[in-house]
Amino acid sequence: MRIGVAGVGKLGEFHTNLLKQIAAEASDVEFSGVFDLNPERLQEIGKKYGVACFSTLEELAASCDAAVIATTTSSHYAIARQLLEARLHLFIEKPITATLEEADKLIRIEQEKGLTIQVGHIERFNPALLAVEPYIGEPMYIQAERLSGFSRRVTDVSVVLDLMIHDIDLVLSLIKSDIRSIAASGVKVFSNELDMATARIEFENGAIANVTASRLSRSKLRKMRFFTRNPKSYASLDFTSGKSEVFRLVPPDQLSSKNPIKNFATKKILEQFGEIQESLKEMALDYVSPDVPKINALKEELEQFIDAIRKGKPAKVTSEEGRRALMVAGKITDEIRNNTADLD
């Protein structure tokens, strides 16, 4: 399988580096080269990684069976359409496109030609999430916060499409229910797009997600908290540090540890919650700090994209899922615009 990269900005360079590694490790994968509209940047990356440089998309398409699109969101549709028409499987960085209409057109071509599109919602592969996922049952309340500093690189899109869409996708993948309603608010500060936004998403099964994103923070923060049932539990995870914790109700004989020393330390942690243990009757409050797998999330999603093509199976994050995240992001943006007169 021959694979290349369209767009070698900061993120495209990461893809180039990792695909070179994957090609060196897998006998059936060949890294074909890179394409970018900026000839200086193209030659810089080509020389740095010792890869071929394509001056046109046609050259890239002729030399590849699959490609990664890591260009600006506004260009996703035009590039993806041309490469799909050339019968290439595609990994498209999030969001899938700038509009739902564009996403629908790409999905139709994908289906007509029997190709695979995977959307780069990288947090699905975050080790902290992978560690905590087996311990959370059915989420009924999710609180997500994603804060970062301001970057000129992303002022062409709102914070909803830049940052919040990561958590939108995670919420949609974890809560298996249709959306009942969305309430949202936000502001522009340093750009012509939303720089801060918060949304409350209510689902038909009664679940609620509160999602906040800002690019006006002096420090980075990427956290998510879950309150779940089946089993009843509270879980928190920090996407940046990789730390995750789970507090759940279990029968006493199903406590996660039988080690007296570890149980003593766990008891001290649980005491911070107050007098919960005394009110549990037949159940026990269990504390789990899951081991976090040591994986590179970006490399993992690229390997799963390649594996989906090999085996002809659906991508981990399908084009339909990418479309749904984009749809919800659009509804949040529309809700903010309807509630705020100066956003037009």
Protein backbone atom coordinates (compact mmCIF):
# COMPACT_ATOMS: atom_id res chain seq x y z
CA MET A 1 0.00 0.00 0.00
CA ARG A 2 1.43 3.34 -1.10
CA ILE A 3 0.52 6.32 1.07
CA GLY A 4 1.33 10.03 0.98
CA VAL A 5 0.54 13.30 2.76
CA ALA A 6 -1.23 16.39 1.39
CA GLY A 7 -0.30 19.43 3.45
CA VAL A 8 2.94 19.56 5.40
CA GLY A 9 2.34 22.25 7.98
CA LYS A 10 2.95 21.43 11.63
CA LEU A 11 0.44 18.58 11.75
CA GLY A 12 1.32 17.30 8.28
CA GLU A 13 4.95 17.03 9.37
CA PHE A 14 3.89 14.83 12.30
CA HIS A 15 2.03 12.58 9.86
CA THR A 16 5.03 12.44 7.56
CA ASN A 17 7.39 11.42 10.35
CA LEU A 18 5.07 8.71 11.68
CA LEU A 19 4.17 7.30 8.27
CA LYS A 20 7.87 6.97 7.53
CA GLN A 21 8.18 4.92 10.73
CA ILE A 22 5.15 2.79 9.88
CA ALA A 23 6.49 2.11 6.39
CA ALA A 24 9.83 1.03 7.88
CA GLU A 25 8.02 -1.37 10.23
CA ALA A 26 5.46 -2.83 7.81
CA SER A 27 6.54 -4.67 4.67
CA ASP A 28 3.28 -3.91 2.85
CA VAL A 29 3.37 -0.13 3.40
CA GLU A 30 5.36 2.32 1.28
CA PHE A 31 5.57 6.04 2.00
CA SER A 32 5.31 7.71 -1.42
CA GLY A 33 5.88 11.35 -0.61
CA VAL A 34 4.37 14.73 0.23
CA PHE A 35 2.47 17.56 -1.45
CA ASP A 36 2.06 21.20 -0.41
CA LEU A 37 1.20 24.44 -2.19
CA ASN A 38 4.14 26.18 -0.49
CA PRO A 39 7.20 25.10 -2.52
CA GLU A 40 9.71 26.20 0.13
CA ARG A 41 7.97 24.25 2.89
CA LEU A 42 7.54 21.28 0.55
CA GLN A 43 11.25 21.11 -0.21
CA GLU A 44 12.13 21.65 3.46
CA ILE A 45 10.09 18.62 4.55
CA GLY A 46 11.21 16.53 1.60
CA LYS A 47 14.85 17.14 2.47
CA LYS A 48 14.37 16.74 6.23
CA TYR A 49 12.70 13.33 5.94
CA GLY A 50 14.25 12.14 2.70
CA VAL A 51 10.93 11.74 0.88
CA ALA A 52 9.67 12.55 -2.61
CA CYS A 53 8.01 15.93 -3.20
CA PHE A 54 4.96 16.24 -5.46
CA SER A 55 4.24 19.66 -6.92
CA THR A 56 0.64 18.81 -7.85
CA LEU A 57 -2.18 16.75 -6.39
CA GLU A 58 -2.28 14.79 -9.64
CA GLU A 59 1.30 13.63 -9.06
CA LEU A 60 0.46 12.62 -5.50
CA ALA A 61 -2.65 10.72 -6.62
CA ALA A 62 -0.77 8.86 -9.34
CA SER A 63 1.80 7.62 -6.82
CA CYS A 64 -0.51 6.60 -3.96
CA ASP A 65 -3.27 4.21 -2.95
CA ALA A 66 -4.13 6.27 0.14
CA ALA A 67 -3.41 9.74 1.46
CA VAL A 68 -3.57 11.87 4.59
CA ILE A 69 -5.15 15.31 4.19
CA ALA A 70 -3.65 17.70 6.76
CA THR A 71 -4.48 21.01 5.11
CA THR A 72 -6.70 23.87 6.32
CA THR A 73 -10.34 22.93 6.92
CA SER A 74 -11.58 25.15 4.10
CA SER A 75 -9.55 23.13 1.57
CA HIS A 76 -10.54 19.65 2.78
CA TYR A 77 -13.44 19.19 0.40
CA ALA A 78 -11.72 20.18 -2.85
CA ILE A 79 -8.63 18.09 -2.11
CA ALA A 80 -10.57 15.09 -0.81
CA ARG A 81 -12.93 15.08 -3.78
CA GLN A 82 -10.06 15.09 -6.26
CA LEU A 83 -8.25 12.26 -4.47
CA LEU A 84 -11.43 10.19 -4.04
CA GLU A 85 -12.15 10.55 -7.75
CA ALA A 86 -8.62 9.20 -8.31
CA ARG A 87 -9.67 6.20 -6.13
CA LEU A 88 -7.54 6.91 -3.07
CA HIS A 89 -8.53 5.94 0.46
CA LEU A 90 -8.36 9.00 2.71
CA PHE A 91 -7.45 9.98 6.25
CA ILE A 92 -8.89 13.49 6.68
CA GLU A 93 -7.91 15.55 9.71
CA LYS A 94 -10.83 16.87 11.74
CA PRO A 95 -13.24 18.35 10.96
CA ILE A 96 -14.10 16.27 7.91
CA THR A 97 -15.11 19.38 5.92
CA ALA A 98 -16.23 22.95 6.51
CA THR A 99 -19.92 22.24 5.75
CA LEU A 100 -22.39 19.37 5.94
CA GLU A 101 -23.10 19.68 2.23
CA GLU A 102 -19.43 19.07 1.48
CA ALA A 103 -19.33 16.10 3.87
CA ASP A 104 -22.39 14.56 2.21
CA LYS A 105 -20.79 14.82 -1.24
CA LEU A 106 -17.59 13.13 -0.05
CA ILE A 107 -19.54 10.33 1.65
CA ARG A 108 -21.47 9.67 -1.58
CA ILE A 109 -18.25 9.37 -3.57
CA GLU A 110 -16.69 7.17 -0.88
CA GLN A 111 -19.66 4.80 -1.03
CA GLU A 112 -19.94 4.80 -4.82
CA LYS A 113 -16.27 3.90 -5.27
CA GLY A 114 -16.04 1.48 -2.33
CA LEU A 115 -13.31 3.51 -0.61
CA THR A 116 -12.49 4.21 3.06
CA ILE A 117 -12.48 7.61 4.75
CA GLN A 118 -11.24 7.94 8.32
CA VAL A 119 -11.60 11.26 10.15
CA GLY A 120 -8.77 12.34 12.44
CA HIS A 121 -10.56 12.65 15.76
CA ILE A 122 -7.40 11.75 17.64
CA GLU A 123 -8.85 11.77 21.16
CA ARG A 124 -10.57 8.45 20.40
CA PHE A 125 -7.04 7.00 20.56
CA ASN A 126 -5.86 8.92 23.61
CA PRO A 127 -4.28 6.47 26.09
CA ALA A 128 -6.03 8.11 29.04
CA LEU A 129 -9.43 7.44 27.46
CA LEU A 130 -8.48 3.88 26.47
CA ALA A 131 -7.47 3.24 30.09
CA VAL A 132 -10.69 4.49 31.67
CA GLU A 133 -13.18 3.28 29.03
CA PRO A 134 -13.53 -0.31 30.32
CA TYR A 135 -14.53 0.99 33.75
CA ILE A 136 -17.29 3.38 32.77
CA GLY A 137 -20.70 1.97 32.09
CA GLU A 138 -23.47 4.09 30.61
CA PRO A 139 -22.57 7.80 30.90
CA MET A 140 -25.47 9.93 32.08
CA TYR A 141 -23.54 13.15 32.66
CA ILE A 142 -20.31 14.24 30.99
CA GLN A 143 -18.39 17.41 31.74
CA ALA A 144 -15.64 18.34 29.28
CA GLU A 145 -13.22 21.27 29.38
CA ARG A 146 -10.67 22.09 26.71
CA LEU A 147 -8.63 25.27 27.08
CA SER A 148 -5.60 26.51 25.17
CA GLY A 149 -3.67 29.64 24.31
CA PHE A 150 -4.41 31.75 21.24
CA SER A 151 -2.88 30.66 17.93
CA ARG A 152 -2.86 32.58 14.64
CA ARG A 153 -2.79 29.21 12.88
CA VAL A 154 -6.48 28.52 13.52
CA THR A 155 -8.18 31.93 13.36
CA ASP A 156 -9.98 30.88 10.15
CA VAL A 157 -12.27 28.58 12.16
CA SER A 158 -14.19 29.00 15.39
CA VAL A 159 -13.14 27.42 18.67
CA VAL A 160 -16.08 25.04 18.18
CA LEU A 161 -14.48 23.49 15.07
CA ASP A 162 -10.93 23.95 16.35
CA LEU A 163 -11.15 22.55 19.91
CA MET A 164 -14.67 21.69 21.02
CA ILE A 165 -15.26 19.25 18.16
CA HIS A 166 -12.81 16.82 19.83
CA ASP A 167 -15.10 16.52 22.85
CA ILE A 168 -18.25 16.60 20.73
CA ASP A 169 -17.01 13.49 18.93
CA LEU A 170 -16.12 11.75 22.20
CA VAL A 171 -19.51 12.54 23.73
CA LEU A 172 -21.32 11.22 20.64
CA SER A 173 -19.24 8.03 20.66
CA LEU A 174 -19.90 7.37 24.37
CA ILE A 175 -23.58 8.31 24.69
CA LYS A 176 -25.61 5.94 22.51
CA SER A 177 -28.70 8.09 22.06
CA ASP A 178 -30.18 10.72 19.77
CA ILE A 179 -29.91 14.39 20.73
CA ARG A 180 -33.00 16.06 22.20
CA SER A 181 -31.80 19.65 22.50
CA ILE A 182 -28.77 21.94 22.48
CA ALA A 183 -28.23 25.21 24.37
CA ALA A 184 -25.04 27.20 23.83
CA SER A 185 -23.31 30.54 24.28
CA GLY A 186 -19.98 32.01 23.21
CA VAL A 187 -17.95 35.12 22.41
CA LYS A 188 -15.46 36.53 19.91
CA VAL A 189 -12.49 38.29 21.48
CA PHE A 190 -9.23 38.21 19.48
CA SER A 191 -10.45 36.91 16.12
CA ASN A 192 -13.42 37.17 13.77
CA GLU A 193 -14.57 33.72 14.89
CA LEU A 194 -15.76 32.39 18.26
CA ASP A 195 -12.85 32.22 20.72
CA MET A 196 -14.82 30.77 23.63
CA ALA A 197 -17.92 28.58 23.64
CA THR A 198 -19.91 26.42 26.01
CA ALA A 199 -22.75 24.03 25.18
CA ARG A 200 -25.24 21.84 27.01
CA ILE A 201 -26.32 18.81 24.97
CA GLU A 202 -29.33 16.83 26.19
CA PHE A 203 -30.04 13.34 24.86
CA GLU A 204 -33.25 11.36 24.47
CA ASN A 205 -32.12 8.78 27.07
CA GLY A 206 -31.77 11.51 29.71
CA ALA A 207 -27.99 11.90 29.45
CA ILE A 208 -26.47 15.38 29.49
CA ALA A 209 -23.10 16.68 28.32
CA ASN A 210 -21.69 20.09 29.25
CA VAL A 211 -18.83 21.00 26.92
CA THR A 212 -16.60 24.08 27.18
CA ALA A 213 -13.80 25.20 24.89
CA SER A 214 -11.62 28.32 24.93
CA ARG A 215 -8.48 29.49 23.16
CA LEU A 216 -8.03 32.42 25.53
CA SER A 217 -6.39 30.55 28.39
CA ARG A 218 -2.90 31.15 29.83
CA SER A 219 -2.53 27.40 30.38
CA LYS A 220 -3.68 24.27 28.58
CA LEU A 221 -6.39 22.09 30.05
CA ARG A 222 -8.02 18.98 28.58
CA LYS A 223 -10.19 17.17 31.10
CA MET A 224 -13.34 15.08 31.07
CA ARG A 225 -15.51 13.76 33.90
CA PHE A 226 -18.16 11.04 33.73
CA PHE A 227 -21.06 10.15 36.00
CA THR A 228 -22.38 6.78 34.86
CA ARG A 229 -24.76 3.94 35.60
CA ASN A 230 -24.43 0.18 35.07
CA PRO A 231 -22.33 0.32 37.19
CA LYS A 232 -22.80 3.51 39.18
CA SER A 233 -19.48 5.31 38.99
CA TYR A 234 -17.62 8.59 38.75
CA ALA A 235 -14.57 8.79 36.51
CA SER A 236 -12.18 11.59 35.61
CA LEU A 237 -9.41 11.77 33.08
CA ASP A 238 -6.76 14.26 32.11
CA PHE A 239 -5.92 13.99 28.41
CA THR A 240 -2.71 15.97 28.89
CA SER A 241 -1.13 14.15 31.83
CA GLY A 242 -2.68 10.78 30.98
CA LYS A 243 -3.96 10.32 34.52
CA SER A 244 -7.37 8.75 35.00
CA GLU A 245 -9.34 7.73 38.10
CA VAL A 246 -12.53 5.75 38.64
CA PHE A 247 -14.74 5.57 41.73
CA ARG A 248 -17.45 2.90 41.42
CA LEU A 249 -19.96 0.97 43.51
CA VAL A 250 -19.31 -2.78 43.60
CA PRO A 251 -20.11 -5.72 45.90
CA PRO A 252 -17.38 -6.01 48.59
CA ASP A 253 -16.02 -9.22 47.06
CA GLN A 254 -15.43 -7.43 43.73
CA LEU A 255 -13.05 -4.74 44.98
CA SER A 256 -10.23 -4.23 42.49
CA SER A 257 -7.42 -4.84 45.00
CA LYS A 258 -6.82 -7.42 47.75
CA ASN A 259 -3.53 -5.82 48.77
CA PRO A 260 -3.85 -4.43 52.36
CA ILE A 261 -1.32 -1.65 51.78
CA LYS A 262 -2.97 -0.54 48.56
CA ASN A 263 -6.41 -0.77 50.17
CA PHE A 264 -5.23 1.48 53.02
CA ALA A 265 -4.07 4.09 50.49
CA THR A 266 -7.36 3.74 48.63
CA LYS A 267 -9.30 4.23 51.86
CA LYS A 268 -7.50 7.54 52.46
CA ILE A 269 -8.43 8.69 48.95
CA LEU A 270 -12.07 7.70 49.44
CA GLU A 271 -12.21 9.58 52.74
CA GLN A 272 -11.82 12.80 50.76
CA PHE A 273 -15.37 12.24 49.47
CA GLY A 274 -16.80 12.48 52.98
CA GLU A 275 -18.94 9.86 54.72
CA ILE A 276 -20.01 8.05 51.55
CA GLN A 277 -18.85 4.58 52.60
CA GLU A 278 -21.10 4.54 55.69
CA SER A 279 -24.23 5.05 53.54
CA LEU A 280 -23.57 2.30 50.98
CA LYS A 281 -25.06 -0.64 52.93
CA GLU A 282 -24.24 -3.85 51.01
CA MET A 283 -22.06 -2.14 48.41
CA ALA A 284 -18.47 -0.88 48.59
CA LEU A 285 -16.87 2.15 47.00
CA ASP A 286 -13.98 0.99 44.83
CA TYR A 287 -11.11 3.17 43.58
CA VAL A 288 -9.25 2.33 40.37
CA SER A 289 -6.36 4.20 38.81
CA PRO A 290 -6.04 2.32 35.50
CA ASP A 291 -2.69 1.65 33.90
CA VAL A 292 -2.34 3.91 30.87
CA PRO A 293 -0.99 2.18 27.74
CA LYS A 294 2.16 3.74 26.35
CA ILE A 295 1.04 4.49 22.81
CA ASN A 296 1.39 7.37 20.39
CA ALA A 297 -2.23 8.31 19.64
CA LEU A 298 -1.48 9.78 16.21
CA LYS A 299 0.54 6.74 15.15
CA GLU A 300 -2.19 4.43 16.48
CA GLU A 301 -4.91 6.11 14.44
CA LEU A 302 -2.76 5.99 11.29
CA GLU A 303 -2.06 2.28 11.84
CA GLN A 304 -5.77 1.60 12.34
CA PHE A 305 -6.56 3.51 9.13
CA ILE A 306 -4.09 1.35 7.24
CA ASP A 307 -5.46 -1.80 8.87
CA ALA A 308 -9.03 -0.85 7.89
CA ILE A 309 -7.93 -0.59 4.24
CA ARG A 310 -6.06 -3.90 4.44
CA LYS A 311 -9.04 -5.78 5.84
CA GLY A 312 -11.81 -3.89 4.10
CA LYS A 313 -13.45 -3.03 7.42
CA PRO A 314 -14.99 0.26 8.64
CA ALA A 315 -12.59 2.91 9.90
CA LYS A 316 -12.36 3.56 13.64
CA VAL A 317 -13.85 7.01 13.04
CA THR A 318 -15.99 6.79 9.92
CA SER A 319 -16.98 9.58 7.57
CA GLU A 320 -20.54 9.33 8.93
CA GLU A 321 -19.24 9.85 12.48
CA GLY A 322 -17.15 12.78 11.30
CA ARG A 323 -20.26 14.22 9.68
CA ARG A 324 -22.30 13.82 12.87
CA ALA A 325 -19.68 15.66 14.93
CA LEU A 326 -19.66 18.44 12.31
CA MET A 327 -23.47 18.59 12.40
CA VAL A 328 -23.55 19.02 16.19
CA ALA A 329 -20.77 21.63 16.00
CA GLY A 330 -22.87 23.50 13.45
CA LYS A 331 -25.96 23.38 15.67
CA ILE A 332 -23.94 24.73 18.59
CA THR A 333 -22.62 27.57 16.42
CA ASP A 334 -26.12 28.36 15.12
CA GLU A 335 -27.48 28.40 18.68
CA ILE A 336 -24.78 30.85 19.76
CA ARG A 337 -25.42 33.06 16.73
CA ASN A 338 -29.17 33.09 17.39
CA ASN A 339 -28.57 34.13 21.00
CA THR A 340 -25.87 36.74 20.33
CA ALA A 341 -26.66 39.66 18.07
CA ASP A 342 -23.06 40.72 17.28
CA LEU A 343 -21.79 37.36 15.96
CA ASP A 344 -22.81 37.93 12.34
